[in-house]
């Protein structure tokens, strides 16, 4: 059973993980699907060591998992419900922020023009 203290710890870990712009970019990319550190580095215009350091933080926070594939490791969101929750959190935040510009015309939250996915 989770206590209030353990729930606060989880909330703080999640907040710390998402507070960094680079980690947020990595998470947004991983919401689109699993990926490899070298590919993430190339797509996000980051160094591979920078991506690896951020992936270690996200893994230690329990947000992503590394799946060994031969000599490489593929990273993905650790739990499908977490991916869904992060996407919904983005959608709801955009729906509440009247000044936010949405880009997805099929937004399920009805924020007049869609939400970033």
PDB file of N, CA and C in Angstrom:
ATOM      1  N   UNK A   1       0.845  -1.192   0.000  1.00  0.00           N
ATOM      2  CA  UNK A   1       0.000   0.000   0.000  1.00  0.00           C
ATOM      3  C   UNK A   1       0.883   1.245   0.000  1.00  0.00           C
ATOM      4  N   UNK A   2       0.574   2.168  -0.905  1.00  0.00           N
ATOM      5  CA  UNK A   2       1.337   3.407  -0.975  1.00  0.00           C
ATOM      6  C   UNK A   2       0.878   4.364   0.117  1.00  0.00           C
ATOM      7  N   UNK A   3       1.837   4.899   0.838  1.00  0.00           N
ATOM      8  CA  UNK A   3       1.528   5.909   1.845  1.00  0.00           C
ATOM      9  C   UNK A   3       1.595   7.282   1.185  1.00  0.00           C
ATOM     10  N   UNK A   4       1.172   8.303   1.908  1.00  0.00           N
ATOM     11  CA  UNK A   4       1.266   9.664   1.374  1.00  0.00           C
ATOM     12  C   UNK A   4       2.728  10.000   1.103  1.00  0.00           C
ATOM     13  N   UNK A   5       3.626   9.580   1.985  1.00  0.00           N
ATOM     14  CA  UNK A   5       5.052   9.866   1.795  1.00  0.00           C
ATOM     15  C   UNK A   5       5.581   9.196   0.533  1.00  0.00           C
ATOM     16  N   UNK A   6       5.202   7.949   0.302  1.00  0.00           N
ATOM     17  CA  UNK A   6       5.698   7.269  -0.891  1.00  0.00           C
ATOM     18  C   UNK A   6       5.067   7.862  -2.154  1.00  0.00           C
ATOM     19  N   UNK A   7       3.817   8.291  -2.084  1.00  0.00           N
ATOM     20  CA  UNK A   7       3.190   8.956  -3.237  1.00  0.00           C
ATOM     21  C   UNK A   7       3.888  10.284  -3.536  1.00  0.00           C
ATOM     22  N   UNK A   8       4.248  11.015  -2.505  1.00  0.00           N
ATOM     23  CA  UNK A   8       4.979  12.270  -2.701  1.00  0.00           C
ATOM     24  C   UNK A   8       6.340  12.004  -3.331  1.00  0.00           C
ATOM     25  N   UNK A   9       6.988  10.932  -2.901  1.00  0.00           N
ATOM     26  CA  UNK A   9       8.281  10.574  -3.476  1.00  0.00           C
ATOM     27  C   UNK A   9       8.133  10.293  -4.967  1.00  0.00           C
ATOM     28  N   UNK A  10       7.111   9.533  -5.344  1.00  0.00           N
ATOM     29  CA  UNK A  10       6.869   9.226  -6.751  1.00  0.00           C
ATOM     30  C   UNK A  10       6.580  10.513  -7.524  1.00  0.00           C
ATOM     31  N   UNK A  11       5.752  11.389  -6.964  1.00  0.00           N
ATOM     32  CA  UNK A  11       5.422  12.653  -7.632  1.00  0.00           C
ATOM     33  C   UNK A  11       6.671  13.506  -7.815  1.00  0.00           C
ATOM     34  N   UNK A  12       7.529  13.552  -6.800  1.00  0.00           N
ATOM     35  CA  UNK A  12       8.757  14.333  -6.902  1.00  0.00           C
ATOM     36  C   UNK A  12       9.705  13.763  -7.950  1.00  0.00           C
ATOM     37  N   UNK A  13       9.818  12.437  -8.020  1.00  0.00           N
ATOM     38  CA  UNK A  13      10.672  11.811  -9.031  1.00  0.00           C
ATOM     39  C   UNK A  13      10.151  12.122 -10.427  1.00  0.00           C
ATOM     40  N   UNK A  14       8.850  12.020 -10.607  1.00  0.00           N
ATOM     41  CA  UNK A  14       8.251  12.305 -11.904  1.00  0.00           C
ATOM     42  C   UNK A  14       8.461  13.766 -12.290  1.00  0.00           C
ATOM     43  N   UNK A  15       8.244  14.657 -11.332  1.00  0.00           N
ATOM     44  CA  UNK A  15       8.446  16.079 -11.590  1.00  0.00           C
ATOM     45  C   UNK A  15       9.887  16.410 -11.931  1.00  0.00           C
ATOM     46  N   UNK A  16      10.819  15.816 -11.196  1.00  0.00           N
ATOM     47  CA  UNK A  16      12.245  16.042 -11.446  1.00  0.00           C
ATOM     48  C   UNK A  16      12.620  15.541 -12.842  1.00  0.00           C
ATOM     49  N   UNK A  17      12.074  14.399 -13.212  1.00  0.00           N
ATOM     50  CA  UNK A  17      12.382  13.831 -14.527  1.00  0.00           C
ATOM     51  C   UNK A  17      11.858  14.721 -15.644  1.00  0.00           C
ATOM     52  N   UNK A  18      10.668  15.257 -15.489  1.00  0.00           N
ATOM     53  CA  UNK A  18      10.051  16.051 -16.558  1.00  0.00           C
ATOM     54  C   UNK A  18      10.470  17.515 -16.528  1.00  0.00           C
ATOM     55  N   UNK A  19      11.114  17.960 -15.449  1.00  0.00           N
ATOM     56  CA  UNK A  19      11.479  19.368 -15.333  1.00  0.00           C
ATOM     57  C   UNK A  19      12.617  19.769 -16.269  1.00  0.00           C
ATOM     58  N   UNK A  20      13.413  18.816 -16.692  1.00  0.00           N
ATOM     59  CA  UNK A  20      14.539  19.114 -17.564  1.00  0.00           C
ATOM     60  C   UNK A  20      14.077  19.109 -19.026  1.00  0.00           C
ATOM     61  N   UNK A  21      14.365  20.175 -19.777  1.00  0.00           N
ATOM     62  CA  UNK A  21      13.911  20.238 -21.175  1.00  0.00           C
ATOM     63  C   UNK A  21      14.431  19.091 -22.041  1.00  0.00           C
ATOM     64  N   UNK A  22      15.662  18.666 -21.830  1.00  0.00           N
ATOM     65  CA  UNK A  22      16.203  17.571 -22.632  1.00  0.00           C
ATOM     66  C   UNK A  22      15.482  16.268 -22.312  1.00  0.00           C
ATOM     67  N   UNK A  23      15.244  15.997 -21.038  1.00  0.00           N
ATOM     68  CA  UNK A  23      14.513  14.781 -20.680  1.00  0.00           C
ATOM     69  C   UNK A  23      13.093  14.835 -21.228  1.00  0.00           C
ATOM     70  N   UNK A  24      12.485  16.001 -21.212  1.00  0.00           N
ATOM     71  CA  UNK A  24      11.132  16.131 -21.770  1.00  0.00           C
ATOM     72  C   UNK A  24      11.141  15.843 -23.265  1.00  0.00           C
ATOM     73  N   UNK A  25      12.150  16.309 -23.986  1.00  0.00           N
ATOM     74  CA  UNK A  25      12.252  16.029 -25.420  1.00  0.00           C
ATOM     75  C   UNK A  25      12.421  14.534 -25.668  1.00  0.00           C
ATOM     76  N   UNK A  26      13.240  13.894 -24.839  1.00  0.00           N
ATOM     77  CA  UNK A  26      13.435  12.451 -24.977  1.00  0.00           C
ATOM     78  C   UNK A  26      12.120  11.724 -24.708  1.00  0.00           C
ATOM     79  N   UNK A  27      11.409  12.132 -23.657  1.00  0.00           N
ATOM     80  CA  UNK A  27      10.125  11.506 -23.347  1.00  0.00           C
ATOM     81  C   UNK A  27       9.132  11.688 -24.487  1.00  0.00           C
ATOM     82  N   UNK A  28       9.074  12.886 -25.051  1.00  0.00           N
ATOM     83  CA  UNK A  28       8.154  13.124 -26.174  1.00  0.00           C
ATOM     84  C   UNK A  28       8.487  12.199 -27.336  1.00  0.00           C
ATOM     85  N   UNK A  29       9.769  12.004 -27.590  1.00  0.00           N
ATOM     86  CA  UNK A  29      10.171  11.102 -28.660  1.00  0.00           C
ATOM     87  C   UNK A  29       9.782   9.666 -28.339  1.00  0.00           C
ATOM     88  N   UNK A  30       9.994   9.243 -27.093  1.00  0.00           N
ATOM     89  CA  UNK A  30       9.667   7.871 -26.704  1.00  0.00           C
ATOM     90  C   UNK A  30       8.157   7.636 -26.641  1.00  0.00           C
ATOM     91  N   UNK A  31       7.373   8.690 -26.484  1.00  0.00           N
ATOM     92  CA  UNK A  31       5.920   8.528 -26.556  1.00  0.00           C
ATOM     93  C   UNK A  31       5.495   8.115 -27.971  1.00  0.00           C
ATOM     94  N   UNK A  32       6.308   8.457 -28.963  1.00  0.00           N
ATOM     95  CA  UNK A  32       6.016   8.059 -30.341  1.00  0.00           C
ATOM     96  C   UNK A  32       6.405   6.607 -30.588  1.00  0.00           C
ATOM     97  N   UNK A  33       7.285   6.059 -29.752  1.00  0.00           N
ATOM     98  CA  UNK A  33       7.690   4.663 -29.896  1.00  0.00           C
ATOM     99  C   UNK A  33       9.086   4.434 -29.355  1.00  0.00           C
ATOM    100  N   UNK A  34       9.445   3.178 -29.137  1.00  0.00           N
ATOM    101  CA  UNK A  34      10.768   2.846 -28.620  1.00  0.00           C
ATOM    102  C   UNK A  34      11.870   3.366 -29.546  1.00  0.00           C
ATOM    103  N   UNK A  35      13.061   3.598 -28.944  1.00  0.00           N
ATOM    104  CA  UNK A  35      14.154   4.121 -29.744  1.00  0.00           C
ATOM    105  C   UNK A  35      15.486   3.790 -29.082  1.00  0.00           C
ATOM    106  N   UNK A  36      16.547   4.005 -29.827  1.00  0.00           N
ATOM    107  CA  UNK A  36      17.905   3.723 -29.379  1.00  0.00           C
ATOM    108  C   UNK A  36      18.619   5.036 -29.050  1.00  0.00           C
ATOM    109  N   UNK A  37      19.554   5.023 -28.086  1.00  0.00           N
ATOM    110  CA  UNK A  37      20.258   6.255 -27.714  1.00  0.00           C
ATOM    111  C   UNK A  37      20.916   6.967 -28.896  1.00  0.00           C
ATOM    112  N   UNK A  38      21.564   6.219 -29.777  1.00  0.00           N
ATOM    113  CA  UNK A  38      22.237   6.856 -30.921  1.00  0.00           C
ATOM    114  C   UNK A  38      21.237   7.555 -31.836  1.00  0.00           C
ATOM    115  N   UNK A  39      20.086   6.938 -32.038  1.00  0.00           N
ATOM    116  CA  UNK A  39      19.060   7.534 -32.899  1.00  0.00           C
ATOM    117  C   UNK A  39      18.461   8.764 -32.217  1.00  0.00           C
ATOM    118  N   UNK A  40      18.186   8.649 -30.918  1.00  0.00           N
ATOM    119  CA  UNK A  40      17.668   9.803 -30.173  1.00  0.00           C
ATOM    120  C   UNK A  40      18.651  10.965 -30.244  1.00  0.00           C
ATOM    121  N   UNK A  41      19.932  10.673 -30.060  1.00  0.00           N
ATOM    122  CA  UNK A  41      20.954  11.721 -30.108  1.00  0.00           C
ATOM    123  C   UNK A  41      20.938  12.418 -31.462  1.00  0.00           C
ATOM    124  N   UNK A  42      20.864  11.638 -32.522  1.00  0.00           N
ATOM    125  CA  UNK A  42      20.861  12.203 -33.871  1.00  0.00           C
ATOM    126  C   UNK A  42      19.589  13.019 -34.121  1.00  0.00           C
ATOM    127  N   UNK A  43      18.435  12.451 -33.774  1.00  0.00           N
ATOM    128  CA  UNK A  43      17.156  13.130 -34.033  1.00  0.00           C
ATOM    129  C   UNK A  43      16.986  14.402 -33.202  1.00  0.00           C
ATOM    130  N   UNK A  44      17.512  14.391 -31.977  1.00  0.00           N
ATOM    131  CA  UNK A  44      17.341  15.539 -31.085  1.00  0.00           C
ATOM    132  C   UNK A  44      18.542  16.481 -31.100  1.00  0.00           C
ATOM    133  N   UNK A  45      19.525  16.176 -31.949  1.00  0.00           N
ATOM    134  CA  UNK A  45      20.741  16.983 -32.071  1.00  0.00           C
ATOM    135  C   UNK A  45      21.447  17.135 -30.716  1.00  0.00           C
ATOM    136  N   UNK A  46      21.672  15.991 -30.073  1.00  0.00           N
ATOM    137  CA  UNK A  46      22.350  15.935 -28.777  1.00  0.00           C
ATOM    138  C   UNK A  46      23.530  14.977 -28.892  1.00  0.00           C
ATOM    139  N   UNK A  47      24.434  15.040 -27.925  1.00  0.00           N
ATOM    140  CA  UNK A  47      25.511  14.053 -27.911  1.00  0.00           C
ATOM    141  C   UNK A  47      24.968  12.744 -27.360  1.00  0.00           C
ATOM    142  N   UNK A  48      25.595  11.659 -27.759  1.00  0.00           N
ATOM    143  CA  UNK A  48      25.142  10.352 -27.285  1.00  0.00           C
ATOM    144  C   UNK A  48      25.320  10.221 -25.774  1.00  0.00           C
ATOM    145  N   UNK A  49      26.429  10.786 -25.227  1.00  0.00           N
ATOM    146  CA  UNK A  49      26.640  10.705 -23.779  1.00  0.00           C
ATOM    147  C   UNK A  49      25.585  11.515 -23.029  1.00  0.00           C
ATOM    148  N   UNK A  50      25.166  12.645 -23.594  1.00  0.00           N
ATOM    149  CA  UNK A  50      24.114  13.455 -22.973  1.00  0.00           C
ATOM    150  C   UNK A  50      22.807  12.663 -22.927  1.00  0.00           C
ATOM    151  N   UNK A  51      22.454  12.034 -24.046  1.00  0.00           N
ATOM    152  CA  UNK A  51      21.233  11.227 -24.108  1.00  0.00           C
ATOM    153  C   UNK A  51      21.317  10.069 -23.123  1.00  0.00           C
ATOM    154  N   UNK A  52      22.462   9.401 -23.080  1.00  0.00           N
ATOM    155  CA  UNK A  52      22.625   8.269 -22.163  1.00  0.00           C
ATOM    156  C   UNK A  52      22.462   8.699 -20.708  1.00  0.00           C
ATOM    157  N   UNK A  53      23.019   9.845 -20.348  1.00  0.00           N
ATOM    158  CA  UNK A  53      22.875  10.348 -18.975  1.00  0.00           C
ATOM    159  C   UNK A  53      21.413  10.626 -18.633  1.00  0.00           C
ATOM    160  N   UNK A  54      20.705  11.230 -19.566  1.00  0.00           N
ATOM    161  CA  UNK A  54      19.288  11.531 -19.320  1.00  0.00           C
ATOM    162  C   UNK A  54      18.446  10.259 -19.288  1.00  0.00           C
ATOM    163  N   UNK A  55      18.766   9.304 -20.142  1.00  0.00           N
ATOM    164  CA  UNK A  55      18.043   8.026 -20.115  1.00  0.00           C
ATOM    165  C   UNK A  55      18.287   7.299 -18.795  1.00  0.00           C
ATOM    166  N   UNK A  56      19.487   7.406 -18.255  1.00  0.00           N
ATOM    167  CA  UNK A  56      19.779   6.795 -16.949  1.00  0.00           C
ATOM    168  C   UNK A  56      18.898   7.416 -15.873  1.00  0.00           C
ATOM    169  N   UNK A  57      18.750   8.733 -15.897  1.00  0.00           N
ATOM    170  CA  UNK A  57      17.876   9.407 -14.931  1.00  0.00           C
ATOM    171  C   UNK A  57      16.438   8.933 -15.091  1.00  0.00           C
ATOM    172  N   UNK A  58      15.958   8.902 -16.332  1.00  0.00           N
ATOM    173  CA  UNK A  58      14.578   8.473 -16.577  1.00  0.00           C
ATOM    174  C   UNK A  58      14.369   7.015 -16.177  1.00  0.00           C
ATOM    175  N   UNK A  59      15.380   6.187 -16.402  1.00  0.00           N
ATOM    176  CA  UNK A  59      15.297   4.781 -15.997  1.00  0.00           C
ATOM    177  C   UNK A  59      15.292   4.659 -14.474  1.00  0.00           C
ATOM    178  N   UNK A  60      16.159   5.420 -13.805  1.00  0.00           N
ATOM    179  CA  UNK A  60      16.222   5.376 -12.343  1.00  0.00           C
ATOM    180  C   UNK A  60      14.931   5.882 -11.709  1.00  0.00           C
ATOM    181  N   UNK A  61      14.228   6.765 -12.413  1.00  0.00           N
ATOM    182  CA  UNK A  61      12.940   7.269 -11.924  1.00  0.00           C
ATOM    183  C   UNK A  61      11.799   6.297 -12.232  1.00  0.00           C
ATOM    184  N   UNK A  62      12.084   5.257 -13.003  1.00  0.00           N
ATOM    185  CA  UNK A  62      11.063   4.271 -13.338  1.00  0.00           C
ATOM    186  C   UNK A  62      10.176   4.650 -14.508  1.00  0.00           C
ATOM    187  N   UNK A  63      10.574   5.659 -15.275  1.00  0.00           N
ATOM    188  CA  UNK A  63       9.739   6.148 -16.363  1.00  0.00           C
ATOM    189  C   UNK A  63      10.030   5.408 -17.663  1.00  0.00           C
ATOM    190  N   UNK A  64      11.287   5.043 -17.880  1.00  0.00           N
ATOM    191  CA  UNK A  64      11.656   4.278 -19.067  1.00  0.00           C
ATOM    192  C   UNK A  64      12.371   3.004 -18.658  1.00  0.00           C
ATOM    193  N   UNK A  65      12.399   2.052 -19.565  1.00  0.00           N
ATOM    194  CA  UNK A  65      13.163   0.821 -19.366  1.00  0.00           C
ATOM    195  C   UNK A  65      14.046   0.615 -20.590  1.00  0.00           C
ATOM    196  N   UNK A  66      15.185  -0.010 -20.334  1.00  0.00           N
ATOM    197  CA  UNK A  66      16.080  -0.385 -21.407  1.00  0.00           C
ATOM    198  C   UNK A  66      15.910  -1.863 -21.708  1.00  0.00           C
ATOM    199  N   UNK A  67      15.716  -2.179 -22.976  1.00  0.00           N
ATOM    200  CA  UNK A  67      15.528  -3.565 -23.402  1.00  0.00           C
ATOM    201  C   UNK A  67      16.755  -3.962 -24.222  1.00  0.00           C
ATOM    202  N   UNK A  68      17.598  -4.862 -23.681  1.00  0.00           N
ATOM    203  CA  UNK A  68      18.792  -5.267 -24.431  1.00  0.00           C
ATOM    204  C   UNK A  68      18.422  -5.973 -25.731  1.00  0.00           C
ATOM    205  N   UNK A  69      19.117  -5.573 -26.796  1.00  0.00           N
ATOM    206  CA  UNK A  69      18.953  -6.211 -28.107  1.00  0.00           C
ATOM    207  C   UNK A  69      20.345  -6.409 -28.681  1.00  0.00           C
ATOM    208  N   UNK A  70      20.921  -7.568 -28.416  1.00  0.00           N
ATOM    209  CA  UNK A  70      22.286  -7.812 -28.852  1.00  0.00           C
ATOM    210  C   UNK A  70      23.233  -6.864 -28.160  1.00  0.00           C
ATOM    211  N   UNK A  71      23.962  -6.085 -28.948  1.00  0.00           N
ATOM    212  CA  UNK A  71      24.918  -5.125 -28.374  1.00  0.00           C
ATOM    213  C   UNK A  71      24.303  -3.750 -28.155  1.00  0.00           C
ATOM    214  N   UNK A  72      23.031  -3.594 -28.475  1.00  0.00           N
ATOM    215  CA  UNK A  72      22.350  -2.317 -28.294  1.00  0.00           C
ATOM    216  C   UNK A  72      21.280  -2.434 -27.214  1.00  0.00           C
ATOM    217  N   UNK A  73      20.829  -1.277 -26.751  1.00  0.00           N
ATOM    218  CA  UNK A  73      19.707  -1.224 -25.816  1.00  0.00           C
ATOM    219  C   UNK A  73      18.655  -0.301 -26.395  1.00  0.00           C
ATOM    220  N   UNK A  74      17.449  -0.821 -26.483  1.00  0.00           N
ATOM    221  CA  UNK A  74      16.304  -0.040 -26.965  1.00  0.00           C
ATOM    222  C   UNK A  74      15.583   0.501 -25.735  1.00  0.00           C
ATOM    223  N   UNK A  75      15.227   1.775 -25.752  1.00  0.00           N
ATOM    224  CA  UNK A  75      14.513   2.385 -24.632  1.00  0.00           C
ATOM    225  C   UNK A  75      13.062   2.632 -25.001  1.00  0.00           C
ATOM    226  N   UNK A  76      12.208   2.457 -24.005  1.00  0.00           N
ATOM    227  CA  UNK A  76      10.777   2.689 -24.189  1.00  0.00           C
ATOM    228  C   UNK A  76      10.165   3.120 -22.867  1.00  0.00           C
ATOM    229  N   UNK A  77       8.982   3.710 -22.946  1.00  0.00           N
ATOM    230  CA  UNK A  77       8.246   4.068 -21.733  1.00  0.00           C
ATOM    231  C   UNK A  77       7.985   2.774 -20.972  1.00  0.00           C
ATOM    232  N   UNK A  78       8.198   2.795 -19.664  1.00  0.00           N
ATOM    233  CA  UNK A  78       8.204   1.566 -18.862  1.00  0.00           C
ATOM    234  C   UNK A  78       6.863   0.843 -18.787  1.00  0.00           C
ATOM    235  N   UNK A  79       5.794   1.545 -18.974  1.00  0.00           N
ATOM    236  CA  UNK A  79       4.465   0.953 -18.784  1.00  0.00           C
ATOM    237  C   UNK A  79       3.497   1.634 -19.745  1.00  0.00           C
ATOM    238  N   UNK A  80       2.721   0.884 -20.513  1.00  0.00           N
ATOM    239  CA  UNK A  80       1.777   1.507 -21.450  1.00  0.00           C
ATOM    240  C   UNK A  80       0.832   2.505 -20.774  1.00  0.00           C
ATOM    241  N   UNK A  81       0.409   2.218 -19.552  1.00  0.00           N
ATOM    242  CA  UNK A  81      -0.488   3.160 -18.856  1.00  0.00           C
ATOM    243  C   UNK A  81       0.220   4.476 -18.564  1.00  0.00           C
ATOM    244  N   UNK A  82       1.537   4.423 -18.341  1.00  0.00           N
ATOM    245  CA  UNK A  82       2.296   5.649 -18.118  1.00  0.00           C
ATOM    246  C   UNK A  82       2.346   6.477 -19.398  1.00  0.00           C
ATOM    247  N   UNK A  83       2.549   5.826 -20.535  1.00  0.00           N
ATOM    248  CA  UNK A  83       2.547   6.544 -21.816  1.00  0.00           C
ATOM    249  C   UNK A  83       1.187   7.201 -22.051  1.00  0.00           C
ATOM    250  N   UNK A  84       0.124   6.457 -21.782  1.00  0.00           N
ATOM    251  CA  UNK A  84      -1.223   7.007 -21.932  1.00  0.00           C
ATOM    252  C   UNK A  84      -1.430   8.182 -20.983  1.00  0.00           C
ATOM    253  N   UNK A  85      -0.983   8.038 -19.756  1.00  0.00           N
ATOM    254  CA  UNK A  85      -1.145   9.101 -18.763  1.00  0.00           C
ATOM    255  C   UNK A  85      -0.376  10.354 -19.142  1.00  0.00           C
ATOM    256  N   UNK A  86       0.852  10.185 -19.625  1.00  0.00           N
ATOM    257  CA  UNK A  86       1.638  11.351 -20.040  1.00  0.00           C
ATOM    258  C   UNK A  86       0.976  12.066 -21.210  1.00  0.00           C
ATOM    259  N   UNK A  87       0.464  11.306 -22.159  1.00  0.00           N
ATOM    260  CA  UNK A  87      -0.235  11.898 -23.303  1.00  0.00           C
ATOM    261  C   UNK A  87      -1.482  12.644 -22.842  1.00  0.00           C
ATOM    262  N   UNK A  88      -2.257  12.028 -21.948  1.00  0.00           N
ATOM    263  CA  UNK A  88      -3.463  12.685 -21.427  1.00  0.00           C
ATOM    264  C   UNK A  88      -3.106  13.936 -20.629  1.00  0.00           C
ATOM    265  N   UNK A  89      -2.020  13.879 -19.872  1.00  0.00           N
ATOM    266  CA  UNK A  89      -1.579  15.049 -19.110  1.00  0.00           C
ATOM    267  C   UNK A  89      -1.271  16.209 -20.057  1.00  0.00           C
ATOM    268  N   UNK A  90      -0.601  15.918 -21.151  1.00  0.00           N
ATOM    269  CA  UNK A  90      -0.326  16.957 -22.149  1.00  0.00           C
ATOM    270  C   UNK A  90      -1.623  17.501 -22.738  1.00  0.00           C
ATOM    271  N   UNK A  91      -2.525  16.597 -23.122  1.00  0.00           N
ATOM    272  CA  UNK A  91      -3.793  17.013 -23.719  1.00  0.00           C
ATOM    273  C   UNK A  91      -4.617  17.883 -22.777  1.00  0.00           C
ATOM    274  N   UNK A  92      -4.734  17.452 -21.540  1.00  0.00           N
ATOM    275  CA  UNK A  92      -5.539  18.200 -20.561  1.00  0.00           C
ATOM    276  C   UNK A  92      -4.903  19.551 -20.266  1.00  0.00           C
ATOM    277  N   UNK A  93      -3.589  19.592 -20.145  1.00  0.00           N
ATOM    278  CA  UNK A  93      -2.908  20.858 -19.877  1.00  0.00           C
ATOM    279  C   UNK A  93      -3.142  21.831 -21.017  1.00  0.00           C
ATOM    280  N   UNK A  94      -3.075  21.350 -22.248  1.00  0.00           N
ATOM    281  CA  UNK A  94      -3.345  22.223 -23.389  1.00  0.00           C
ATOM    282  C   UNK A  94      -4.802  22.665 -23.418  1.00  0.00           C
ATOM    283  N   UNK A  95      -5.707  21.774 -23.041  1.00  0.00           N
ATOM    284  CA  UNK A  95      -7.128  22.122 -23.046  1.00  0.00           C
ATOM    285  C   UNK A  95      -7.435  23.192 -22.009  1.00  0.00           C
ATOM    286  N   UNK A  96      -6.724  23.181 -20.894  1.00  0.00           N
ATOM    287  CA  UNK A  96      -6.960  24.148 -19.826  1.00  0.00           C
ATOM    288  C   UNK A  96      -6.287  25.479 -20.138  1.00  0.00           C
ATOM    289  N   UNK A  97      -5.168  25.446 -20.845  1.00  0.00           N
ATOM    290  CA  UNK A  97      -4.430  26.656 -21.188  1.00  0.00           C
ATOM    291  C   UNK A  97      -5.054  27.280 -22.433  1.00  0.00           C
ATOM    292  N   UNK A  98      -5.883  28.283 -22.241  1.00  0.00           N
ATOM    293  CA  UNK A  98      -6.606  28.892 -23.347  1.00  0.00           C
ATOM    294  C   UNK A  98      -5.687  29.516 -24.385  1.00  0.00           C
ATOM    295  N   UNK A  99      -4.463  29.885 -23.995  1.00  0.00           N
ATOM    296  CA  UNK A  99      -3.538  30.513 -24.931  1.00  0.00           C
ATOM    297  C   UNK A  99      -2.689  29.530 -25.700  1.00  0.00           C
ATOM    298  N   UNK A 100      -2.777  28.238 -25.379  1.00  0.00           N
ATOM    299  CA  UNK A 100      -1.935  27.237 -26.041  1.00  0.00           C
ATOM    300  C   UNK A 100      -2.422  26.985 -27.463  1.00  0.00           C
ATOM    301  N   UNK A 101      -1.481  26.875 -28.354  1.00  0.00           N
ATOM    302  CA  UNK A 101      -1.789  26.561 -29.743  1.00  0.00           C
ATOM    303  C   UNK A 101      -1.744  25.054 -29.925  1.00  0.00           C
ATOM    304  N   UNK A 102      -2.846  24.466 -30.310  1.00  0.00           N
ATOM    305  CA  UNK A 102      -2.915  23.025 -30.520  1.00  0.00           C
ATOM    306  C   UNK A 102      -2.595  22.707 -31.967  1.00  0.00           C
ATOM    307  N   UNK A 103      -2.114  21.465 -32.211  1.00  0.00           N
ATOM    308  CA  UNK A 103      -1.749  21.093 -33.569  1.00  0.00           C
ATOM    309  C   UNK A 103      -2.448  19.832 -34.058  1.00  0.00           C
ATOM    310  N   UNK A 104      -3.208  19.161 -33.232  1.00  0.00           N
ATOM    311  CA  UNK A 104      -3.872  17.921 -33.624  1.00  0.00           C
ATOM    312  C   UNK A 104      -5.368  18.171 -33.760  1.00  0.00           C
ATOM    313  N   UNK A 105      -5.872  18.169 -34.985  1.00  0.00           N
ATOM    314  CA  UNK A 105      -7.282  18.474 -35.228  1.00  0.00           C
ATOM    315  C   UNK A 105      -8.225  17.429 -34.631  1.00  0.00           C
ATOM    316  N   UNK A 106      -7.711  16.252 -34.286  1.00  0.00           N
ATOM    317  CA  UNK A 106      -8.553  15.188 -33.735  1.00  0.00           C
ATOM    318  C   UNK A 106      -8.414  15.092 -32.212  1.00  0.00           C
ATOM    319  N   UNK A 107      -8.172  16.191 -31.569  1.00  0.00           N
ATOM    320  CA  UNK A 107      -7.959  16.210 -30.111  1.00  0.00           C
ATOM    321  C   UNK A 107      -9.183  15.685 -29.372  1.00  0.00           C
ATOM    322  N   UNK A 108      -9.001  14.665 -28.517  1.00  0.00           N
ATOM    323  CA  UNK A 108     -10.149  14.097 -27.796  1.00  0.00           C
ATOM    324  C   UNK A 108     -10.662  14.991 -26.678  1.00  0.00           C
ATOM    325  N   UNK A 109      -9.900  16.011 -26.281  1.00  0.00           N
ATOM    326  CA  UNK A 109     -10.341  16.860 -25.179  1.00  0.00           C
ATOM    327  C   UNK A 109     -11.135  18.066 -25.656  1.00  0.00           C
ATOM    328  N   UNK A 110     -11.238  18.236 -26.973  1.00  0.00           N
ATOM    329  CA  UNK A 110     -12.050  19.314 -27.516  1.00  0.00           C
ATOM    330  C   UNK A 110     -11.478  20.691 -27.305  1.00  0.00           C
ATOM    331  N   UNK A 111     -10.173  20.858 -27.486  1.00  0.00           N
ATOM    332  CA  UNK A 111      -9.570  22.168 -27.233  1.00  0.00           C
ATOM    333  C   UNK A 111      -9.462  22.988 -28.517  1.00  0.00           C
ATOM    334  N   UNK A 112     -10.473  22.908 -29.366  1.00  0.00           N
ATOM    335  CA  UNK A 112     -10.585  23.745 -30.556  1.00  0.00           C
ATOM    336  C   UNK A 112      -9.327  23.776 -31.405  1.00  0.00           C
ATOM    337  N   UNK A 113      -9.067  22.716 -32.101  1.00  0.00           N
ATOM    338  CA  UNK A 113      -7.913  22.682 -32.988  1.00  0.00           C
ATOM    339  C   UNK A 113      -6.972  21.540 -32.681  1.00  0.00           C
ATOM    340  N   UNK A 114      -7.229  20.818 -31.625  1.00  0.00           N
ATOM    341  CA  UNK A 114      -6.415  19.658 -31.313  1.00  0.00           C
ATOM    342  C   UNK A 114      -5.328  19.932 -30.307  1.00  0.00           C
ATOM    343  N   UNK A 115      -4.639  18.884 -29.947  1.00  0.00           N
ATOM    344  CA  UNK A 115      -3.580  18.973 -28.954  1.00  0.00           C
ATOM    345  C   UNK A 115      -2.318  18.320 -29.472  1.00  0.00           C
ATOM    346  N   UNK A 116      -1.196  18.751 -28.930  1.00  0.00           N
ATOM    347  CA  UNK A 116       0.088  18.162 -29.294  1.00  0.00           C
ATOM    348  C   UNK A 116       0.106  16.721 -28.837  1.00  0.00           C
ATOM    349  N   UNK A 117       0.588  15.847 -29.678  1.00  0.00           N
ATOM    350  CA  UNK A 117       0.713  14.430 -29.326  1.00  0.00           C
ATOM    351  C   UNK A 117       2.135  14.011 -29.520  1.00  0.00           C
TER     352      UNK A 117
END
